[in-house]
N, C-alpha and C. Protein backbone atom coordinates (compact mmCIF):
# COMPACT_ATOMS: atom_id res chain seq x y z
N MET A 1 29.52 -4.11 -22.06
CA MET A 1 29.91 -5.65 -21.49
C MET A 1 29.39 -5.54 -19.97
N PHE A 2 29.89 -4.46 -19.37
CA PHE A 2 29.52 -4.49 -17.94
C PHE A 2 27.93 -4.67 -17.55
N PHE A 3 26.91 -4.00 -18.74
CA PHE A 3 25.60 -4.17 -18.16
C PHE A 3 24.98 -5.69 -18.60
N PHE A 4 25.79 -6.14 -19.65
CA PHE A 4 25.42 -7.26 -20.00
C PHE A 4 25.36 -8.58 -18.58
N ILE A 5 26.51 -8.19 -18.33
CA ILE A 5 26.72 -9.34 -16.94
C ILE A 5 26.00 -9.10 -16.43
N ILE A 6 25.38 -7.78 -15.41
CA ILE A 6 24.88 -7.76 -14.84
C ILE A 6 23.46 -7.96 -14.94
N PHE A 7 22.81 -8.11 -16.22
CA PHE A 7 21.51 -8.39 -16.79
C PHE A 7 21.61 -10.10 -16.95
N LEU A 8 22.74 -10.77 -17.26
CA LEU A 8 22.53 -12.18 -16.99
C LEU A 8 22.53 -12.57 -15.46
N ILE A 9 23.31 -12.01 -14.50
CA ILE A 9 23.31 -12.26 -13.20
C ILE A 9 21.68 -12.13 -12.50
N LEU A 10 21.18 -10.93 -13.11
CA LEU A 10 19.74 -10.70 -12.45
C LEU A 10 19.03 -11.59 -12.98
N PHE A 11 18.97 -12.20 -14.30
CA PHE A 11 18.31 -12.78 -15.26
C PHE A 11 18.01 -13.91 -14.48
N ASN A 12 19.19 -14.63 -14.13
CA ASN A 12 19.29 -16.10 -13.66
C ASN A 12 18.79 -15.93 -12.34
N MET A 13 18.88 -14.66 -11.46
CA MET A 13 18.37 -14.88 -10.36
C MET A 13 16.96 -14.56 -10.14
N ARG A 14 16.03 -14.15 -11.15
CA ARG A 14 14.85 -13.94 -11.16
C ARG A 14 13.81 -14.97 -10.67
N GLY A 15 13.98 -16.14 -10.98
CA GLY A 15 13.09 -17.19 -10.36
C GLY A 15 13.15 -17.22 -8.56
N LEU A 16 14.43 -16.82 -8.13
CA LEU A 16 14.17 -17.21 -6.87
C LEU A 16 14.01 -15.83 -6.23
N VAL A 17 14.32 -14.59 -7.02
CA VAL A 17 13.85 -13.39 -6.29
C VAL A 17 12.31 -13.46 -6.38
N HIS A 18 11.39 -13.66 -7.56
CA HIS A 18 10.16 -13.40 -7.40
C HIS A 18 9.43 -14.76 -6.33
N ILE A 19 9.96 -15.81 -6.17
CA ILE A 19 9.69 -16.65 -5.25
C ILE A 19 9.54 -16.22 -3.89
N VAL A 20 10.67 -15.84 -3.67
CA VAL A 20 10.52 -15.08 -2.26
C VAL A 20 9.84 -14.02 -2.22
N LEU A 21 9.92 -12.93 -3.34
CA LEU A 21 8.43 -12.05 -3.23
C LEU A 21 7.34 -12.50 -3.06
N LYS A 22 6.92 -13.21 -3.62
CA LYS A 22 5.63 -14.03 -3.76
C LYS A 22 5.20 -14.38 -2.36
N PHE A 23 6.21 -15.12 -1.63
CA PHE A 23 5.94 -15.66 -0.22
C PHE A 23 5.65 -14.45 0.62
N PHE A 24 6.38 -13.38 0.65
CA PHE A 24 6.25 -12.31 1.49
C PHE A 24 4.80 -11.73 0.93
N ALA A 25 4.90 -11.81 -0.48
CA ALA A 25 3.26 -11.24 -0.57
C ALA A 25 2.22 -11.48 -0.08
N GLY A 26 2.25 -13.22 -0.43
CA GLY A 26 0.88 -13.76 0.26
C GLY A 26 0.99 -13.85 1.73
N ALA A 27 2.06 -13.92 2.39
CA ALA A 27 2.05 -14.01 3.97
C ALA A 27 1.72 -12.83 4.54
N SER A 28 2.04 -11.83 4.03
CA SER A 28 1.62 -10.20 4.28
C SER A 28 -0.29 -10.31 3.94
N GLY A 29 -0.49 -10.69 3.41
CA GLY A 29 -1.49 -10.42 2.39
C GLY A 29 -2.88 -11.20 3.37
N LEU A 30 -2.57 -12.73 3.44
CA LEU A 30 -3.08 -13.51 4.78
C LEU A 30 -3.05 -12.76 6.31
N THR A 31 -1.89 -12.24 6.68
CA THR A 31 -1.46 -11.71 7.72
C THR A 31 -2.80 -10.20 7.93
N CYS A 32 -2.88 -9.73 6.95
CA CYS A 32 -3.63 -8.48 6.74
C CYS A 32 -4.97 -8.66 6.88
N PHE A 33 -5.22 -9.60 6.35
CA PHE A 33 -6.75 -10.66 6.55
C PHE A 33 -7.06 -10.92 7.95
N PHE A 34 -6.17 -11.73 8.36
CA PHE A 34 -6.36 -11.89 9.94
C PHE A 34 -6.65 -11.01 10.64
N PHE A 35 -5.77 -9.83 10.80
CA PHE A 35 -5.54 -8.74 11.55
C PHE A 35 -6.83 -7.50 11.09
N PHE A 36 -7.33 -7.63 10.19
CA PHE A 36 -8.21 -6.88 10.06
C PHE A 36 -9.91 -7.86 10.81
N VAL A 37 -9.84 -8.83 10.71
CA VAL A 37 -10.88 -9.90 11.17
C VAL A 37 -10.83 -9.64 12.73
N GLY A 38 -9.66 -9.59 13.05
CA GLY A 38 -9.28 -9.72 14.37
C GLY A 38 -9.63 -8.10 15.14
N TYR A 39 -9.30 -6.88 14.15
CA TYR A 39 -9.77 -5.55 14.46
C TYR A 39 -11.32 -5.71 14.76
N TYR A 40 -12.14 -6.11 13.51
CA TYR A 40 -13.30 -5.99 13.53
C TYR A 40 -14.16 -6.53 15.08
N LEU A 41 -13.44 -8.10 15.66
CA LEU A 41 -14.22 -8.30 16.43
C LEU A 41 -13.73 -7.59 17.62
N GLN A 42 -12.42 -6.90 17.46
CA GLN A 42 -12.35 -6.07 18.59
C GLN A 42 -13.09 -4.81 19.02
N ARG A 43 -13.24 -4.19 17.62
CA ARG A 43 -14.13 -2.74 17.68
C ARG A 43 -15.87 -3.43 18.09
N ARG A 44 -16.31 -4.60 17.65
CA ARG A 44 -17.70 -4.98 18.30
C ARG A 44 -17.86 -4.99 19.44
N GLU A 45 -16.63 -5.53 20.40
CA GLU A 45 -16.77 -5.57 21.75
C GLU A 45 -16.48 -4.31 22.16
N ALA A 46 -16.16 -3.29 21.74
CA ALA A 46 -14.99 -2.17 22.39
C ALA A 46 -16.48 -1.29 22.91
N THR A 47 -16.07 -0.56 23.77
CA THR A 47 -16.98 0.83 24.24
C THR A 47 -16.78 1.88 23.74
N ALA A 48 -17.45 2.99 23.93
CA ALA A 48 -17.71 4.31 23.20
C ALA A 48 -16.24 4.81 23.65
N ASP A 49 -15.84 5.07 24.67
CA ASP A 49 -14.78 5.51 24.83
C ASP A 49 -13.34 5.07 24.75
N GLU A 50 -13.34 4.22 23.91
CA GLU A 50 -11.88 3.72 23.74
C GLU A 50 -11.13 4.19 22.65
N ALA A 51 -10.32 4.08 22.31
CA ALA A 51 -9.39 4.59 20.77
C ALA A 51 -9.84 3.94 19.78
N ALA A 52 -10.29 5.10 18.86
CA ALA A 52 -10.92 4.70 17.41
C ALA A 52 -9.88 3.64 16.48
N LEU A 53 -8.49 4.27 16.55
CA LEU A 53 -7.33 3.49 16.19
C LEU A 53 -6.29 2.97 16.90
N SER A 54 -6.89 1.67 16.85
CA SER A 54 -5.86 0.74 17.94
C SER A 54 -4.58 0.31 16.62
N PHE A 55 -3.77 -0.61 17.52
CA PHE A 55 -2.68 -1.00 17.01
C PHE A 55 -2.76 -2.27 16.02
N THR A 56 -4.44 -3.04 16.44
CA THR A 56 -4.41 -3.84 15.45
C THR A 56 -4.54 -3.53 14.26
N LEU A 57 -5.26 -2.34 14.14
CA LEU A 57 -5.42 -1.67 12.91
C LEU A 57 -4.26 -1.30 11.80
N LEU A 58 -3.43 -0.92 12.86
CA LEU A 58 -2.33 -0.23 12.18
C LEU A 58 -1.40 -1.51 11.47
N ILE A 59 -1.27 -2.26 12.21
CA ILE A 59 -0.41 -3.71 11.88
C ILE A 59 -1.42 -4.11 10.66
N ALA A 60 -2.68 -4.05 10.74
CA ALA A 60 -3.11 -4.56 9.38
C ALA A 60 -2.90 -4.04 8.09
N ILE A 61 -3.28 -2.23 8.44
CA ILE A 61 -2.83 -1.41 7.18
C ILE A 61 -1.13 -1.69 6.82
N GLY A 62 -0.75 -1.62 7.76
CA GLY A 62 0.97 -2.11 7.52
C GLY A 62 1.45 -3.48 6.86
N GLU A 63 0.70 -4.34 6.91
CA GLU A 63 0.66 -5.52 6.21
C GLU A 63 0.35 -5.76 4.77
N GLY A 64 -0.92 -4.82 4.84
CA GLY A 64 -1.40 -4.40 3.43
C GLY A 64 -0.51 -3.70 2.59
N VAL A 65 0.13 -2.42 2.94
CA VAL A 65 0.98 -2.00 2.21
C VAL A 65 2.35 -2.74 1.90
N PHE A 66 3.02 -3.39 2.91
CA PHE A 66 3.71 -4.44 2.66
C PHE A 66 3.69 -5.24 1.91
N SER A 67 2.42 -5.75 1.52
CA SER A 67 2.11 -6.97 0.65
C SER A 67 2.26 -6.14 -0.84
N ILE A 68 1.74 -4.92 -1.01
CA ILE A 68 1.51 -4.18 -2.21
C ILE A 68 3.08 -3.98 -2.53
N CYS A 69 3.79 -3.65 -1.79
CA CYS A 69 5.21 -3.04 -1.81
C CYS A 69 5.93 -3.99 -2.77
N CYS A 70 5.75 -5.51 -1.90
CA CYS A 70 6.14 -6.78 -2.78
C CYS A 70 6.18 -7.10 -3.80
N MET A 71 4.53 -6.85 -4.16
CA MET A 71 4.28 -6.89 -5.77
C MET A 71 4.76 -5.74 -6.71
N SER A 72 4.85 -4.60 -6.31
CA SER A 72 5.50 -3.58 -7.00
C SER A 72 6.83 -3.93 -7.33
N ALA A 73 7.69 -4.65 -6.16
CA ALA A 73 9.13 -5.03 -6.30
C ALA A 73 8.83 -5.78 -7.57
N MET A 74 8.40 -6.95 -7.53
CA MET A 74 8.41 -8.06 -8.64
C MET A 74 8.20 -7.27 -9.88
N TRP A 75 7.01 -6.48 -9.98
CA TRP A 75 7.11 -5.51 -11.53
C TRP A 75 8.26 -5.06 -11.41
N GLY A 76 9.11 -4.25 -10.37
CA GLY A 76 10.11 -3.27 -10.62
C GLY A 76 11.16 -4.28 -11.16
N TYR A 77 11.42 -5.44 -10.76
CA TYR A 77 12.20 -6.45 -10.99
C TYR A 77 12.52 -6.71 -12.58
N ASP A 78 11.21 -6.91 -13.16
CA ASP A 78 11.22 -7.12 -14.38
C ASP A 78 11.22 -6.11 -15.13
N ALA A 79 10.71 -4.83 -14.84
CA ALA A 79 11.09 -3.58 -15.64
C ALA A 79 12.79 -3.17 -15.57
N LEU A 80 13.49 -3.51 -14.68
CA LEU A 80 15.01 -3.25 -14.69
C LEU A 80 15.66 -4.02 -15.78
N LEU A 81 15.00 -5.74 -15.65
CA LEU A 81 15.72 -6.61 -16.75
C LEU A 81 15.55 -6.24 -17.92
N PHE A 82 13.92 -5.74 -18.15
CA PHE A 82 13.57 -5.26 -19.59
C PHE A 82 14.54 -3.82 -19.88
N ARG A 83 14.98 -3.12 -19.05
CA ARG A 83 15.75 -2.08 -19.43
C ARG A 83 17.21 -2.40 -19.26
N LEU A 84 17.73 -3.40 -19.04
CA LEU A 84 19.47 -3.73 -18.78
C LEU A 84 19.53 -4.66 -20.08
N ALA A 85 18.53 -5.16 -20.56
CA ALA A 85 18.43 -6.01 -21.73
C ALA A 85 19.29 -5.37 -22.83
N PRO A 86 20.01 -6.38 -23.60
CA PRO A 86 20.97 -5.61 -24.54
C PRO A 86 19.97 -5.31 -25.74
N PRO A 87 20.53 -4.11 -26.77
CA PRO A 87 19.79 -3.94 -27.85
C PRO A 87 19.67 -4.87 -28.99
N GLY A 88 18.51 -5.61 -29.39
CA GLY A 88 18.19 -6.40 -30.44
C GLY A 88 17.86 -7.59 -29.76
N TYR A 89 17.55 -7.72 -28.04
CA TYR A 89 17.31 -8.83 -27.71
C TYR A 89 15.40 -9.02 -27.34
N ASP A 90 14.80 -9.77 -27.97
CA ASP A 90 13.46 -9.85 -27.53
C ASP A 90 13.35 -10.75 -26.14
N LEU A 91 13.01 -10.08 -25.40
CA LEU A 91 12.88 -10.61 -23.79
C LEU A 91 11.32 -11.11 -23.56
N ILE A 92 11.11 -12.42 -23.27
CA ILE A 92 10.14 -12.65 -22.95
C ILE A 92 9.99 -13.06 -21.66
N LEU A 93 9.47 -12.91 -20.49
CA LEU A 93 9.52 -13.16 -19.04
C LEU A 93 8.21 -13.72 -18.84
N PHE A 94 8.56 -15.35 -18.32
CA PHE A 94 7.48 -16.20 -18.07
C PHE A 94 7.15 -16.48 -16.45
N GLU A 95 6.37 -16.47 -15.95
CA GLU A 95 6.22 -16.68 -14.69
C GLU A 95 6.80 -18.06 -14.19
């Protein structure tokens, strides 16, 4: 009975969780793109003695990883719902 209550709470929160995670994934992906463009423009004007790995590149890579983690969290949330679903339930999760 306890798992069923947890399942119902998480199932009702699914829409809100997906909206928040999609927002963070999209914003991170867009930020990643802009920082990669900025890094490219920065490297075009750089001299040979400057550091090859800049803070801009690290931010771009971090934002890309965060975007992928948000998408993985959406998948993991749905996997958790499938795992908590009571036996005999045919669960279909729409977007």
